[in-house]
Amino acid sequence: MTTNPDIPIILDAPRTDDLRTILDDELDPLVASIDEIDGCCTLPLRISHNPVCGVVLEIGPYDLNYHDVVQLCEAIRKFNEWRQAPIRKA
């Protein structure tokens, strides 16, 4: 994982599970803004496997299973629809 020195906060969790296998940790991290601290943090992205959940997408301290990723993909699809649509003010 490559980190940005301008964003010193890395939001992640210790991963000490011996049964977890990292499949890909070369993904570019996400940078998310946090209004409460008026700043940003880095969220590492990894794909791993464990015997309980199978293949998991790790976003910082959060683990997303297959069904979570399907929901996230649907949200991203809708996000892209809104990005391309003209915004009308009420």
PDB file of N, CA and C in Angstrom:
ATOM      1  N   MET A   1       0.841  -1.177   0.000  1.00  0.00           N
ATOM      2  CA  MET A   1       0.000   0.000   0.000  1.00  0.00           C
ATOM      3  C   MET A   1       0.887   1.242   0.000  1.00  0.00           C
ATOM      4  N   THR A   2       0.552   2.177  -0.852  1.00  0.00           N
ATOM      5  CA  THR A   2       1.242   3.451  -0.899  1.00  0.00           C
ATOM      6  C   THR A   2       0.421   4.467  -0.127  1.00  0.00           C
ATOM      7  N   THR A   3       1.048   5.184   0.783  1.00  0.00           N
ATOM      8  CA  THR A   3       0.321   6.192   1.557  1.00  0.00           C
ATOM      9  C   THR A   3       0.732   7.579   1.109  1.00  0.00           C
ATOM     10  N   ASN A   4      -0.141   8.526   1.373  1.00  0.00           N
ATOM     11  CA  ASN A   4       0.107   9.921   1.023  1.00  0.00           C
ATOM     12  C   ASN A   4       0.615  10.631   2.274  1.00  0.00           C
ATOM     13  N   PRO A   5       1.827  11.165   2.262  1.00  0.00           N
ATOM     14  CA  PRO A   5       2.365  11.828   3.458  1.00  0.00           C
ATOM     15  C   PRO A   5       1.568  13.069   3.856  1.00  0.00           C
ATOM     16  N   ASP A   6       0.774  13.621   2.926  1.00  0.00           N
ATOM     17  CA  ASP A   6      -0.047  14.780   3.254  1.00  0.00           C
ATOM     18  C   ASP A   6      -1.299  14.394   4.053  1.00  0.00           C
ATOM     19  N   ILE A   7      -1.590  13.095   4.111  1.00  0.00           N
ATOM     20  CA  ILE A   7      -2.751  12.600   4.859  1.00  0.00           C
ATOM     21  C   ILE A   7      -2.233  11.611   5.903  1.00  0.00           C
ATOM     22  N   PRO A   8      -1.868  12.118   7.081  1.00  0.00           N
ATOM     23  CA  PRO A   8      -1.186  11.274   8.064  1.00  0.00           C
ATOM     24  C   PRO A   8      -2.083  10.263   8.774  1.00  0.00           C
ATOM     25  N   ILE A   9      -3.398  10.437   8.733  1.00  0.00           N
ATOM     26  CA  ILE A   9      -4.282   9.521   9.455  1.00  0.00           C
ATOM     27  C   ILE A   9      -4.591   8.312   8.579  1.00  0.00           C
ATOM     28  N   ILE A  10      -4.255   7.129   9.073  1.00  0.00           N
ATOM     29  CA  ILE A  10      -4.587   5.885   8.381  1.00  0.00           C
ATOM     30  C   ILE A  10      -5.616   5.163   9.235  1.00  0.00           C
ATOM     31  N   LEU A  11      -6.821   4.979   8.686  1.00  0.00           N
ATOM     32  CA  LEU A  11      -7.888   4.288   9.398  1.00  0.00           C
ATOM     33  C   LEU A  11      -7.841   2.822   8.995  1.00  0.00           C
ATOM     34  N   ASP A  12      -7.423   1.983   9.929  1.00  0.00           N
ATOM     35  CA  ASP A  12      -7.274   0.557   9.663  1.00  0.00           C
ATOM     36  C   ASP A  12      -7.423  -0.187  10.977  1.00  0.00           C
ATOM     37  N   ALA A  13      -7.428  -1.499  10.910  1.00  0.00           N
ATOM     38  CA  ALA A  13      -7.520  -2.328  12.115  1.00  0.00           C
ATOM     39  C   ALA A  13      -6.385  -3.343  12.092  1.00  0.00           C
ATOM     40  N   PRO A  14      -5.896  -3.694  13.281  1.00  0.00           N
ATOM     41  CA  PRO A  14      -4.881  -4.750  13.302  1.00  0.00           C
ATOM     42  C   PRO A  14      -5.486  -6.059  12.812  1.00  0.00           C
ATOM     43  N   ARG A  15      -4.790  -6.739  11.987  1.00  0.00           N
ATOM     44  CA  ARG A  15      -5.280  -8.005  11.426  1.00  0.00           C
ATOM     45  C   ARG A  15      -4.322  -9.102  11.874  1.00  0.00           C
ATOM     46  N   THR A  16      -4.727  -9.826  12.895  1.00  0.00           N
ATOM     47  CA  THR A  16      -3.833 -10.839  13.469  1.00  0.00           C
ATOM     48  C   THR A  16      -4.379 -12.253  13.285  1.00  0.00           C
ATOM     49  N   ASP A  17      -5.407 -12.413  12.479  1.00  0.00           N
ATOM     50  CA  ASP A  17      -6.012 -13.725  12.266  1.00  0.00           C
ATOM     51  C   ASP A  17      -5.061 -14.623  11.482  1.00  0.00           C
ATOM     52  N   ASP A  18      -4.645 -15.723  12.088  1.00  0.00           N
ATOM     53  CA  ASP A  18      -3.731 -16.650  11.419  1.00  0.00           C
ATOM     54  C   ASP A  18      -4.395 -17.374  10.253  1.00  0.00           C
ATOM     55  N   LEU A  19      -5.725 -17.424  10.240  1.00  0.00           N
ATOM     56  CA  LEU A  19      -6.438 -18.133   9.184  1.00  0.00           C
ATOM     57  C   LEU A  19      -6.698 -17.252   7.962  1.00  0.00           C
ATOM     58  N   ARG A  20      -6.392 -15.979   8.061  1.00  0.00           N
ATOM     59  CA  ARG A  20      -6.624 -15.023   6.981  1.00  0.00           C
ATOM     60  C   ARG A  20      -5.463 -15.073   5.994  1.00  0.00           C
ATOM     61  N   THR A  21      -5.795 -15.116   4.726  1.00  0.00           N
ATOM     62  CA  THR A  21      -4.798 -15.087   3.660  1.00  0.00           C
ATOM     63  C   THR A  21      -5.026 -13.837   2.826  1.00  0.00           C
ATOM     64  N   ILE A  22      -4.015 -13.018   2.692  1.00  0.00           N
ATOM     65  CA  ILE A  22      -4.121 -11.822   1.849  1.00  0.00           C
ATOM     66  C   ILE A  22      -3.944 -12.247   0.398  1.00  0.00           C
ATOM     67  N   LEU A  23      -4.935 -11.910  -0.419  1.00  0.00           N
ATOM     68  CA  LEU A  23      -4.883 -12.244  -1.836  1.00  0.00           C
ATOM     69  C   LEU A  23      -4.311 -11.095  -2.656  1.00  0.00           C
ATOM     70  N   ASP A  24      -4.627  -9.860  -2.266  1.00  0.00           N
ATOM     71  CA  ASP A  24      -4.129  -8.690  -3.003  1.00  0.00           C
ATOM     72  C   ASP A  24      -4.073  -7.501  -2.053  1.00  0.00           C
ATOM     73  N   ASP A  25      -2.893  -6.976  -1.820  1.00  0.00           N
ATOM     74  CA  ASP A  25      -2.757  -5.771  -1.001  1.00  0.00           C
ATOM     75  C   ASP A  25      -2.031  -4.668  -1.775  1.00  0.00           C
ATOM     76  N   GLU A  26      -2.086  -4.752  -3.099  1.00  0.00           N
ATOM     77  CA  GLU A  26      -1.439  -3.756  -3.954  1.00  0.00           C
ATOM     78  C   GLU A  26      -2.442  -2.741  -4.507  1.00  0.00           C
ATOM     79  N   LEU A  27      -3.654  -2.723  -3.959  1.00  0.00           N
ATOM     80  CA  LEU A  27      -4.679  -1.790  -4.436  1.00  0.00           C
ATOM     81  C   LEU A  27      -4.393  -0.397  -3.886  1.00  0.00           C
ATOM     82  N   ASP A  28      -4.699   0.617  -4.682  1.00  0.00           N
ATOM     83  CA  ASP A  28      -4.525   1.991  -4.209  1.00  0.00           C
ATOM     84  C   ASP A  28      -5.511   2.273  -3.080  1.00  0.00           C
ATOM     85  N   PRO A  29      -5.062   2.907  -2.003  1.00  0.00           N
ATOM     86  CA  PRO A  29      -5.964   3.196  -0.883  1.00  0.00           C
ATOM     87  C   PRO A  29      -6.967   4.290  -1.240  1.00  0.00           C
ATOM     88  N   LEU A  30      -8.066   4.304  -0.514  1.00  0.00           N
ATOM     89  CA  LEU A  30      -9.058   5.367  -0.640  1.00  0.00           C
ATOM     90  C   LEU A  30      -8.679   6.504   0.290  1.00  0.00           C
ATOM     91  N   VAL A  31      -9.044   7.703  -0.084  1.00  0.00           N
ATOM     92  CA  VAL A  31      -8.892   8.859   0.797  1.00  0.00           C
ATOM     93  C   VAL A  31     -10.300   9.393   1.038  1.00  0.00           C
ATOM     94  N   ALA A  32     -10.703   9.400   2.294  1.00  0.00           N
ATOM     95  CA  ALA A  32     -12.057   9.834   2.649  1.00  0.00           C
ATOM     96  C   ALA A  32     -11.990  11.079   3.514  1.00  0.00           C
ATOM     97  N   SER A  33     -12.913  11.997   3.260  1.00  0.00           N
ATOM     98  CA  SER A  33     -12.971  13.198   4.104  1.00  0.00           C
ATOM     99  C   SER A  33     -13.844  12.901   5.320  1.00  0.00           C
ATOM    100  N   ILE A  34     -13.472  13.493   6.450  1.00  0.00           N
ATOM    101  CA  ILE A  34     -14.207  13.318   7.705  1.00  0.00           C
ATOM    102  C   ILE A  34     -14.538  14.709   8.226  1.00  0.00           C
ATOM    103  N   ASP A  35     -15.814  15.075   8.140  1.00  0.00           N
ATOM    104  CA  ASP A  35     -16.235  16.414   8.557  1.00  0.00           C
ATOM    105  C   ASP A  35     -15.910  16.694  10.020  1.00  0.00           C
ATOM    106  N   GLU A  36     -16.047  15.673  10.882  1.00  0.00           N
ATOM    107  CA  GLU A  36     -15.856  15.872  12.322  1.00  0.00           C
ATOM    108  C   GLU A  36     -14.449  16.321  12.689  1.00  0.00           C
ATOM    109  N   ILE A  37     -13.473  15.960  11.892  1.00  0.00           N
ATOM    110  CA  ILE A  37     -12.098  16.378  12.178  1.00  0.00           C
ATOM    111  C   ILE A  37     -11.604  17.409  11.170  1.00  0.00           C
ATOM    112  N   ASP A  38     -12.486  17.782  10.241  1.00  0.00           N
ATOM    113  CA  ASP A  38     -12.136  18.737   9.197  1.00  0.00           C
ATOM    114  C   ASP A  38     -10.853  18.302   8.490  1.00  0.00           C
ATOM    115  N   GLY A  39     -10.823  17.035   8.119  1.00  0.00           N
ATOM    116  CA  GLY A  39      -9.641  16.499   7.464  1.00  0.00           C
ATOM    117  C   GLY A  39      -9.963  15.217   6.724  1.00  0.00           C
ATOM    118  N   CYS A  40      -8.922  14.515   6.363  1.00  0.00           N
ATOM    119  CA  CYS A  40      -9.056  13.291   5.588  1.00  0.00           C
ATOM    120  C   CYS A  40      -8.309  12.147   6.266  1.00  0.00           C
ATOM    121  N   CYS A  41      -8.649  10.937   5.845  1.00  0.00           N
ATOM    122  CA  CYS A  41      -7.906   9.764   6.301  1.00  0.00           C
ATOM    123  C   CYS A  41      -7.711   8.824   5.117  1.00  0.00           C
ATOM    124  N   THR A  42      -6.743   7.969   5.251  1.00  0.00           N
ATOM    125  CA  THR A  42      -6.454   6.956   4.249  1.00  0.00           C
ATOM    126  C   THR A  42      -7.068   5.644   4.703  1.00  0.00           C
ATOM    127  N   LEU A  43      -7.762   4.970   3.789  1.00  0.00           N
ATOM    128  CA  LEU A  43      -8.341   3.651   4.052  1.00  0.00           C
ATOM    129  C   LEU A  43      -7.655   2.643   3.137  1.00  0.00           C
ATOM    130  N   PRO A  44      -6.801   1.784   3.693  1.00  0.00           N
ATOM    131  CA  PRO A  44      -6.161   0.770   2.857  1.00  0.00           C
ATOM    132  C   PRO A  44      -7.196  -0.171   2.255  1.00  0.00           C
ATOM    133  N   LEU A  45      -6.941  -0.635   1.052  1.00  0.00           N
ATOM    134  CA  LEU A  45      -7.801  -1.613   0.387  1.00  0.00           C
ATOM    135  C   LEU A  45      -7.031  -2.914   0.221  1.00  0.00           C
ATOM    136  N   ARG A  46      -7.686  -4.011   0.590  1.00  0.00           N
ATOM    137  CA  ARG A  46      -7.079  -5.338   0.428  1.00  0.00           C
ATOM    138  C   ARG A  46      -8.178  -6.330   0.071  1.00  0.00           C
ATOM    139  N   ILE A  47      -7.789  -7.393  -0.587  1.00  0.00           N
ATOM    140  CA  ILE A  47      -8.675  -8.531  -0.788  1.00  0.00           C
ATOM    141  C   ILE A  47      -8.038  -9.685  -0.042  1.00  0.00           C
ATOM    142  N   SER A  48      -8.842 -10.332   0.805  1.00  0.00           N
ATOM    143  CA  SER A  48      -8.311 -11.444   1.589  1.00  0.00           C
ATOM    144  C   SER A  48      -9.306 -12.594   1.572  1.00  0.00           C
ATOM    145  N   HIS A  49      -8.905 -13.688   2.169  1.00  0.00           N
ATOM    146  CA  HIS A  49      -9.757 -14.864   2.274  1.00  0.00           C
ATOM    147  C   HIS A  49      -9.668 -15.392   3.698  1.00  0.00           C
ATOM    148  N   ASN A  50     -10.814 -15.770   4.248  1.00  0.00           N
ATOM    149  CA  ASN A  50     -10.825 -16.467   5.531  1.00  0.00           C
ATOM    150  C   ASN A  50     -11.852 -17.577   5.456  1.00  0.00           C
ATOM    151  N   PRO A  51     -11.706 -18.617   6.283  1.00  0.00           N
ATOM    152  CA  PRO A  51     -12.587 -19.779   6.174  1.00  0.00           C
ATOM    153  C   PRO A  51     -14.043 -19.499   6.552  1.00  0.00           C
ATOM    154  N   VAL A  52     -14.309 -18.413   7.263  1.00  0.00           N
ATOM    155  CA  VAL A  52     -15.682 -18.113   7.685  1.00  0.00           C
ATOM    156  C   VAL A  52     -16.448 -17.380   6.587  1.00  0.00           C
ATOM    157  N   CYS A  53     -15.855 -16.327   6.034  1.00  0.00           N
ATOM    158  CA  CYS A  53     -16.551 -15.472   5.059  1.00  0.00           C
ATOM    159  C   CYS A  53     -16.149 -15.730   3.616  1.00  0.00           C
ATOM    160  N   GLY A  54     -15.087 -16.462   3.393  1.00  0.00           N
ATOM    161  CA  GLY A  54     -14.580 -16.641   2.030  1.00  0.00           C
ATOM    162  C   GLY A  54     -13.769 -15.434   1.619  1.00  0.00           C
ATOM    163  N   VAL A  55     -13.949 -14.994   0.379  1.00  0.00           N
ATOM    164  CA  VAL A  55     -13.213 -13.836  -0.134  1.00  0.00           C
ATOM    165  C   VAL A  55     -13.862 -12.571   0.418  1.00  0.00           C
ATOM    166  N   VAL A  56     -13.030 -11.674   0.924  1.00  0.00           N
ATOM    167  CA  VAL A  56     -13.495 -10.461   1.604  1.00  0.00           C
ATOM    168  C   VAL A  56     -12.764  -9.257   1.021  1.00  0.00           C
ATOM    169  N   LEU A  57     -13.498  -8.156   0.847  1.00  0.00           N
ATOM    170  CA  LEU A  57     -12.887  -6.877   0.486  1.00  0.00           C
ATOM    171  C   LEU A  57     -12.691  -6.113   1.782  1.00  0.00           C
ATOM    172  N   GLU A  58     -11.452  -5.806   2.111  1.00  0.00           N
ATOM    173  CA  GLU A  58     -11.139  -5.043   3.322  1.00  0.00           C
ATOM    174  C   GLU A  58     -10.971  -3.579   2.926  1.00  0.00           C
ATOM    175  N   ILE A  59     -11.766  -2.722   3.547  1.00  0.00           N
ATOM    176  CA  ILE A  59     -11.652  -1.276   3.358  1.00  0.00           C
ATOM    177  C   ILE A  59     -11.326  -0.707   4.728  1.00  0.00           C
ATOM    178  N   GLY A  60     -10.043  -0.419   4.954  1.00  0.00           N
ATOM    179  CA  GLY A  60      -9.616   0.020   6.283  1.00  0.00           C
ATOM    180  C   GLY A  60      -9.990  -1.045   7.302  1.00  0.00           C
ATOM    181  N   PRO A  61     -10.684  -0.652   8.369  1.00  0.00           N
ATOM    182  CA  PRO A  61     -11.039  -1.620   9.409  1.00  0.00           C
ATOM    183  C   PRO A  61     -12.294  -2.429   9.086  1.00  0.00           C
ATOM    184  N   TYR A  62     -12.891  -2.210   7.914  1.00  0.00           N
ATOM    185  CA  TYR A  62     -14.165  -2.841   7.581  1.00  0.00           C
ATOM    186  C   TYR A  62     -13.962  -4.009   6.619  1.00  0.00           C
ATOM    187  N   ASP A  63     -14.669  -5.111   6.876  1.00  0.00           N
ATOM    188  CA  ASP A  63     -14.640  -6.283   6.006  1.00  0.00           C
ATOM    189  C   ASP A  63     -15.971  -6.391   5.284  1.00  0.00           C
ATOM    190  N   LEU A  64     -15.925  -6.466   3.964  1.00  0.00           N
ATOM    191  CA  LEU A  64     -17.138  -6.609   3.173  1.00  0.00           C
ATOM    192  C   LEU A  64     -17.148  -7.980   2.524  1.00  0.00           C
ATOM    193  N   ASN A  65     -18.219  -8.753   2.789  1.00  0.00           N
ATOM    194  CA  ASN A  65     -18.344 -10.057   2.150  1.00  0.00           C
ATOM    195  C   ASN A  65     -18.967  -9.871   0.764  1.00  0.00           C
ATOM    196  N   TYR A  66     -19.226 -10.967   0.086  1.00  0.00           N
ATOM    197  CA  TYR A  66     -19.742 -10.902  -1.281  1.00  0.00           C
ATOM    198  C   TYR A  66     -21.020 -10.072  -1.370  1.00  0.00           C
ATOM    199  N   HIS A  67     -21.961 -10.317  -0.464  1.00  0.00           N
ATOM    200  CA  HIS A  67     -23.238  -9.599  -0.512  1.00  0.00           C
ATOM    201  C   HIS A  67     -23.047  -8.104  -0.253  1.00  0.00           C
ATOM    202  N   ASP A  68     -22.127  -7.766   0.644  1.00  0.00           N
ATOM    203  CA  ASP A  68     -21.818  -6.351   0.892  1.00  0.00           C
ATOM    204  C   ASP A  68     -21.247  -5.691  -0.364  1.00  0.00           C
ATOM    205  N   VAL A  69     -20.371  -6.407  -1.051  1.00  0.00           N
ATOM    206  CA  VAL A  69     -19.746  -5.859  -2.260  1.00  0.00           C
ATOM    207  C   VAL A  69     -20.792  -5.672  -3.360  1.00  0.00           C
ATOM    208  N   VAL A  70     -21.745  -6.609  -3.459  1.00  0.00           N
ATOM    209  CA  VAL A  70     -22.827  -6.453  -4.438  1.00  0.00           C
ATOM    210  C   VAL A  70     -23.618  -5.181  -4.132  1.00  0.00           C
ATOM    211  N   GLN A  71     -23.936  -4.943  -2.854  1.00  0.00           N
ATOM    212  CA  GLN A  71     -24.646  -3.717  -2.463  1.00  0.00           C
ATOM    213  C   GLN A  71     -23.817  -2.479  -2.785  1.00  0.00           C
ATOM    214  N   LEU A  72     -22.523  -2.536  -2.501  1.00  0.00           N
ATOM    215  CA  LEU A  72     -21.639  -1.412  -2.791  1.00  0.00           C
ATOM    216  C   LEU A  72     -21.596  -1.139  -4.292  1.00  0.00           C
ATOM    217  N   CYS A  73     -21.522  -2.189  -5.096  1.00  0.00           N
ATOM    218  CA  CYS A  73     -21.514  -2.017  -6.557  1.00  0.00           C
ATOM    219  C   CYS A  73     -22.803  -1.357  -7.032  1.00  0.00           C
ATOM    220  N   GLU A  74     -23.935  -1.736  -6.442  1.00  0.00           N
ATOM    221  CA  GLU A  74     -25.212  -1.124  -6.811  1.00  0.00           C
ATOM    222  C   GLU A  74     -25.227   0.353  -6.425  1.00  0.00           C
ATOM    223  N   ALA A  75     -24.690   0.679  -5.252  1.00  0.00           N
ATOM    224  CA  ALA A  75     -24.614   2.078  -4.829  1.00  0.00           C
ATOM    225  C   ALA A  75     -23.706   2.874  -5.771  1.00  0.00           C
ATOM    226  N   ILE A  76     -22.606   2.288  -6.196  1.00  0.00           N
ATOM    227  CA  ILE A  76     -21.696   2.966  -7.124  1.00  0.00           C
ATOM    228  C   ILE A  76     -22.373   3.155  -8.482  1.00  0.00           C
ATOM    229  N   ARG A  77     -23.136   2.164  -8.925  1.00  0.00           N
ATOM    230  CA  ARG A  77     -23.865   2.295 -10.185  1.00  0.00           C
ATOM    231  C   ARG A  77     -24.836   3.475 -10.109  1.00  0.00           C
ATOM    232  N   LYS A  78     -25.573   3.559  -9.005  1.00  0.00           N
ATOM    233  CA  LYS A  78     -26.517   4.673  -8.837  1.00  0.00           C
ATOM    234  C   LYS A  78     -25.783   6.008  -8.710  1.00  0.00           C
ATOM    235  N   PHE A  79     -24.662   6.003  -8.015  1.00  0.00           N
ATOM    236  CA  PHE A  79     -23.827   7.202  -7.909  1.00  0.00           C
ATOM    237  C   PHE A  79     -23.447   7.697  -9.295  1.00  0.00           C
ATOM    238  N   ASN A  80     -23.012   6.781 -10.162  1.00  0.00           N
ATOM    239  CA  ASN A  80     -22.605   7.161 -11.517  1.00  0.00           C
ATOM    240  C   ASN A  80     -23.785   7.686 -12.325  1.00  0.00           C
ATOM    241  N   GLU A  81     -24.966   7.138 -12.114  1.00  0.00           N
ATOM    242  CA  GLU A  81     -26.163   7.667 -12.778  1.00  0.00           C
ATOM    243  C   GLU A  81     -26.404   9.121 -12.351  1.00  0.00           C
ATOM    244  N   TRP A  82     -26.321   9.381 -11.058  1.00  0.00           N
ATOM    245  CA  TRP A  82     -26.538  10.743 -10.553  1.00  0.00           C
ATOM    246  C   TRP A  82     -25.452  11.699 -11.027  1.00  0.00           C
ATOM    247  N   ARG A  83     -24.221  11.203 -11.124  1.00  0.00           N
ATOM    248  CA  ARG A  83     -23.125  12.054 -11.593  1.00  0.00           C
ATOM    249  C   ARG A  83     -23.352  12.505 -13.020  1.00  0.00           C
ATOM    250  N   GLN A  84     -23.962  11.667 -13.826  1.00  0.00           N
ATOM    251  CA  GLN A  84     -24.169  11.970 -15.236  1.00  0.00           C
ATOM    252  C   GLN A  84     -25.474  12.727 -15.486  1.00  0.00           C
ATOM    253  N   ALA A  85     -26.364  12.738 -14.509  1.00  0.00           N
ATOM    254  CA  ALA A  85     -27.654  13.400 -14.680  1.00  0.00           C
ATOM    255  C   ALA A  85     -27.538  14.882 -14.319  1.00  0.00           C
ATOM    256  N   PRO A  86     -28.286  15.728 -15.014  1.00  0.00           N
ATOM    257  CA  PRO A  86     -28.277  17.141 -14.608  1.00  0.00           C
ATOM    258  C   PRO A  86     -28.970  17.289 -13.243  1.00  0.00           C
ATOM    259  N   ILE A  87     -28.390  18.075 -12.378  1.00  0.00           N
ATOM    260  CA  ILE A  87     -28.963  18.294 -11.051  1.00  0.00           C
ATOM    261  C   ILE A  87     -29.943  19.461 -11.137  1.00  0.00           C
ATOM    262  N   ARG A  88     -31.143  19.193 -10.684  1.00  0.00           N
ATOM    263  CA  ARG A  88     -32.180  20.231 -10.691  1.00  0.00           C
ATOM    264  C   ARG A  88     -32.438  20.674  -9.271  1.00  0.00           C
ATOM    265  N   LYS A  89     -32.392  21.963  -9.044  1.00  0.00           N
ATOM    266  CA  LYS A  89     -32.687  22.495  -7.707  1.00  0.00           C
ATOM    267  C   LYS A  89     -34.180  22.671  -7.573  1.00  0.00           C
ATOM    268  N   ALA A  90     -34.698  22.362  -6.396  1.00  0.00           N
ATOM    269  CA  ALA A  90     -36.140  22.481  -6.133  1.00  0.00           C
ATOM    270  C   ALA A  90     -36.541  23.923  -5.924  1.00  0.00           C
TER     271      ALA A  90
END
